[in-house]
């Protein structure tokens, strides 16, 4: 793969992910806990030298360069939002396998 892929997870570190359970069990993990699990998954399953992975807290970190994230939130997309190379790909949670599969597909096209 040529070049580094940037994976940005936008959320609020100490906030649990909200859900509409409809009688099903829900995760009470915070967005930071989900991110840490994702980061650990990535380091175990993929060559992370190819990636720049970071968590951006929308309440603490500077959001000036992320207008597309503000637009997505205003359109009702739920946190956490995951962007790959500046494009939102996932929202409302962090699915390790879905993100990894998306990265593998991106790798195949390069």
C-alpha atoms as a PDB file:
ATOM      1  CA  UNK A   1       0.000   0.000   0.000  1.00  0.00           C
ATOM      2  CA  UNK A   2       1.394   3.392  -0.844  1.00  0.00           C
ATOM      3  CA  UNK A   3       0.876   6.214   1.628  1.00  0.00           C
ATOM      4  CA  UNK A   4      -0.682   6.350   5.009  1.00  0.00           C
ATOM      5  CA  UNK A   5      -4.411   5.975   5.624  1.00  0.00           C
ATOM      6  CA  UNK A   6      -5.898   8.230   8.279  1.00  0.00           C
ATOM      7  CA  UNK A   7      -8.606   6.821  10.528  1.00  0.00           C
ATOM      8  CA  UNK A   8     -10.283   9.400  12.750  1.00  0.00           C
ATOM      9  CA  UNK A   9     -12.853   8.414  15.344  1.00  0.00           C
ATOM     10  CA  UNK A  10     -14.917  11.404  16.487  1.00  0.00           C
ATOM     11  CA  UNK A  11     -16.819  11.222  19.719  1.00  0.00           C
ATOM     12  CA  UNK A  12     -16.964  12.213  23.377  1.00  0.00           C
ATOM     13  CA  UNK A  13     -14.457  10.191  25.383  1.00  0.00           C
ATOM     14  CA  UNK A  14     -16.399   9.554  28.582  1.00  0.00           C
ATOM     15  CA  UNK A  15     -19.877   9.297  27.058  1.00  0.00           C
ATOM     16  CA  UNK A  16     -21.580   5.965  26.497  1.00  0.00           C
ATOM     17  CA  UNK A  17     -22.958   5.276  23.050  1.00  0.00           C
ATOM     18  CA  UNK A  18     -26.702   5.845  23.013  1.00  0.00           C
ATOM     19  CA  UNK A  19     -29.027   3.271  21.537  1.00  0.00           C
ATOM     20  CA  UNK A  20     -32.637   2.427  20.953  1.00  0.00           C
ATOM     21  CA  UNK A  21     -32.627  -0.997  22.552  1.00  0.00           C
ATOM     22  CA  UNK A  22     -36.188  -2.158  21.863  1.00  0.00           C
ATOM     23  CA  UNK A  23     -35.786  -4.778  24.577  1.00  0.00           C
ATOM     24  CA  UNK A  24     -32.333  -5.919  23.446  1.00  0.00           C
ATOM     25  CA  UNK A  25     -29.248  -5.565  25.595  1.00  0.00           C
ATOM     26  CA  UNK A  26     -27.158  -2.468  24.942  1.00  0.00           C
ATOM     27  CA  UNK A  27     -23.517  -1.682  25.354  1.00  0.00           C
ATOM     28  CA  UNK A  28     -22.710   0.687  28.185  1.00  0.00           C
ATOM     29  CA  UNK A  29     -19.159   1.212  26.932  1.00  0.00           C
ATOM     30  CA  UNK A  30     -17.890   4.715  26.562  1.00  0.00           C
ATOM     31  CA  UNK A  31     -16.715   5.944  23.181  1.00  0.00           C
ATOM     32  CA  UNK A  32     -13.158   5.948  24.515  1.00  0.00           C
ATOM     33  CA  UNK A  33     -13.468   2.297  25.586  1.00  0.00           C
ATOM     34  CA  UNK A  34     -14.807   1.392  22.164  1.00  0.00           C
ATOM     35  CA  UNK A  35     -11.945   3.283  20.515  1.00  0.00           C
ATOM     36  CA  UNK A  36      -9.346   1.535  22.688  1.00  0.00           C
ATOM     37  CA  UNK A  37     -10.817  -1.856  21.777  1.00  0.00           C
ATOM     38  CA  UNK A  38     -10.757  -0.860  18.101  1.00  0.00           C
ATOM     39  CA  UNK A  39      -7.136   0.289  18.364  1.00  0.00           C
ATOM     40  CA  UNK A  40      -6.127  -2.980  20.063  1.00  0.00           C
ATOM     41  CA  UNK A  41      -7.975  -4.965  17.383  1.00  0.00           C
ATOM     42  CA  UNK A  42      -6.183  -3.051  14.643  1.00  0.00           C
ATOM     43  CA  UNK A  43      -2.754  -3.590  16.162  1.00  0.00           C
ATOM     44  CA  UNK A  44      -3.434  -7.336  16.433  1.00  0.00           C
ATOM     45  CA  UNK A  45      -4.934  -7.890  13.000  1.00  0.00           C
ATOM     46  CA  UNK A  46      -3.400  -5.349  10.614  1.00  0.00           C
ATOM     47  CA  UNK A  47      -0.113  -3.640   9.876  1.00  0.00           C
ATOM     48  CA  UNK A  48      -0.751  -0.396  11.725  1.00  0.00           C
ATOM     49  CA  UNK A  49       2.361   1.198  10.205  1.00  0.00           C
ATOM     50  CA  UNK A  50       0.079   1.874   7.237  1.00  0.00           C
ATOM     51  CA  UNK A  51      -2.400   3.827   9.351  1.00  0.00           C
ATOM     52  CA  UNK A  52      -2.673   6.946  11.431  1.00  0.00           C
ATOM     53  CA  UNK A  53      -5.381   6.195  13.996  1.00  0.00           C
ATOM     54  CA  UNK A  54      -6.676   8.769  16.443  1.00  0.00           C
ATOM     55  CA  UNK A  55      -9.626   9.648  18.638  1.00  0.00           C
ATOM     56  CA  UNK A  56     -10.864  13.223  18.368  1.00  0.00           C
ATOM     57  CA  UNK A  57     -13.053  14.415  21.222  1.00  0.00           C
ATOM     58  CA  UNK A  58     -15.541  16.855  19.712  1.00  0.00           C
ATOM     59  CA  UNK A  59     -15.851  18.760  23.014  1.00  0.00           C
ATOM     60  CA  UNK A  60     -12.134  19.114  23.733  1.00  0.00           C
ATOM     61  CA  UNK A  61     -10.179  18.968  20.474  1.00  0.00           C
ATOM     62  CA  UNK A  62     -10.062  21.684  17.827  1.00  0.00           C
ATOM     63  CA  UNK A  63     -12.759  20.966  15.239  1.00  0.00           C
ATOM     64  CA  UNK A  64     -11.853  23.758  12.787  1.00  0.00           C
ATOM     65  CA  UNK A  65     -10.547  21.296  10.187  1.00  0.00           C
ATOM     66  CA  UNK A  66     -13.521  18.953  10.524  1.00  0.00           C
ATOM     67  CA  UNK A  67     -16.510  20.870   9.175  1.00  0.00           C
ATOM     68  CA  UNK A  68     -17.736  17.695   7.490  1.00  0.00           C
ATOM     69  CA  UNK A  69     -18.119  16.117  10.944  1.00  0.00           C
ATOM     70  CA  UNK A  70     -20.183  19.035  12.229  1.00  0.00           C
ATOM     71  CA  UNK A  71     -22.338  18.763   9.075  1.00  0.00           C
ATOM     72  CA  UNK A  72     -22.865  15.033   9.667  1.00  0.00           C
ATOM     73  CA  UNK A  73     -23.870  15.594  13.295  1.00  0.00           C
ATOM     74  CA  UNK A  74     -26.276  18.350  12.222  1.00  0.00           C
ATOM     75  CA  UNK A  75     -27.830  15.865   9.786  1.00  0.00           C
ATOM     76  CA  UNK A  76     -28.452  13.450  12.671  1.00  0.00           C
ATOM     77  CA  UNK A  77     -25.571  11.004  12.326  1.00  0.00           C
ATOM     78  CA  UNK A  78     -24.828   9.579  15.767  1.00  0.00           C
ATOM     79  CA  UNK A  79     -21.510   9.513  17.564  1.00  0.00           C
ATOM     80  CA  UNK A  80     -19.018   8.014  17.339  1.00  0.00           C
ATOM     81  CA  UNK A  81     -18.305   8.858  13.714  1.00  0.00           C
ATOM     82  CA  UNK A  82     -15.441   7.081  11.947  1.00  0.00           C
ATOM     83  CA  UNK A  83     -13.778   8.789   9.002  1.00  0.00           C
ATOM     84  CA  UNK A  84     -11.266   7.195   6.666  1.00  0.00           C
ATOM     85  CA  UNK A  85      -9.089   9.687   4.805  1.00  0.00           C
ATOM     86  CA  UNK A  86     -11.459  12.511   5.657  1.00  0.00           C
ATOM     87  CA  UNK A  87     -14.668  10.767   4.592  1.00  0.00           C
ATOM     88  CA  UNK A  88     -17.216   9.530   7.118  1.00  0.00           C
ATOM     89  CA  UNK A  89     -17.717   5.806   6.632  1.00  0.00           C
ATOM     90  CA  UNK A  90     -19.376   4.671   9.882  1.00  0.00           C
ATOM     91  CA  UNK A  91     -21.518   6.251  12.576  1.00  0.00           C
ATOM     92  CA  UNK A  92     -23.326   5.363  15.788  1.00  0.00           C
ATOM     93  CA  UNK A  93     -20.766   2.825  16.969  1.00  0.00           C
ATOM     94  CA  UNK A  94     -17.431   1.225  16.193  1.00  0.00           C
ATOM     95  CA  UNK A  95     -17.478  -2.113  14.390  1.00  0.00           C
ATOM     96  CA  UNK A  96     -13.923  -3.423  14.359  1.00  0.00           C
ATOM     97  CA  UNK A  97     -14.569  -5.942  11.597  1.00  0.00           C
ATOM     98  CA  UNK A  98     -16.523  -3.574   9.365  1.00  0.00           C
ATOM     99  CA  UNK A  99     -13.804  -0.941   9.562  1.00  0.00           C
ATOM    100  CA  UNK A 100     -11.046  -3.520   8.974  1.00  0.00           C
ATOM    101  CA  UNK A 101     -12.920  -4.901   5.950  1.00  0.00           C
ATOM    102  CA  UNK A 102     -13.330  -1.391   4.563  1.00  0.00           C
ATOM    103  CA  UNK A 103      -9.596  -0.812   4.972  1.00  0.00           C
ATOM    104  CA  UNK A 104      -8.786  -4.102   3.243  1.00  0.00           C
ATOM    105  CA  UNK A 105     -10.994  -3.127   0.279  1.00  0.00           C
ATOM    106  CA  UNK A 106      -9.288   0.259   0.152  1.00  0.00           C
ATOM    107  CA  UNK A 107      -5.915  -1.491   0.217  1.00  0.00           C
ATOM    108  CA  UNK A 108      -6.918  -3.709  -2.734  1.00  0.00           C
ATOM    109  CA  UNK A 109      -7.785  -0.659  -4.854  1.00  0.00           C
ATOM    110  CA  UNK A 110      -4.399   0.974  -4.274  1.00  0.00           C
END
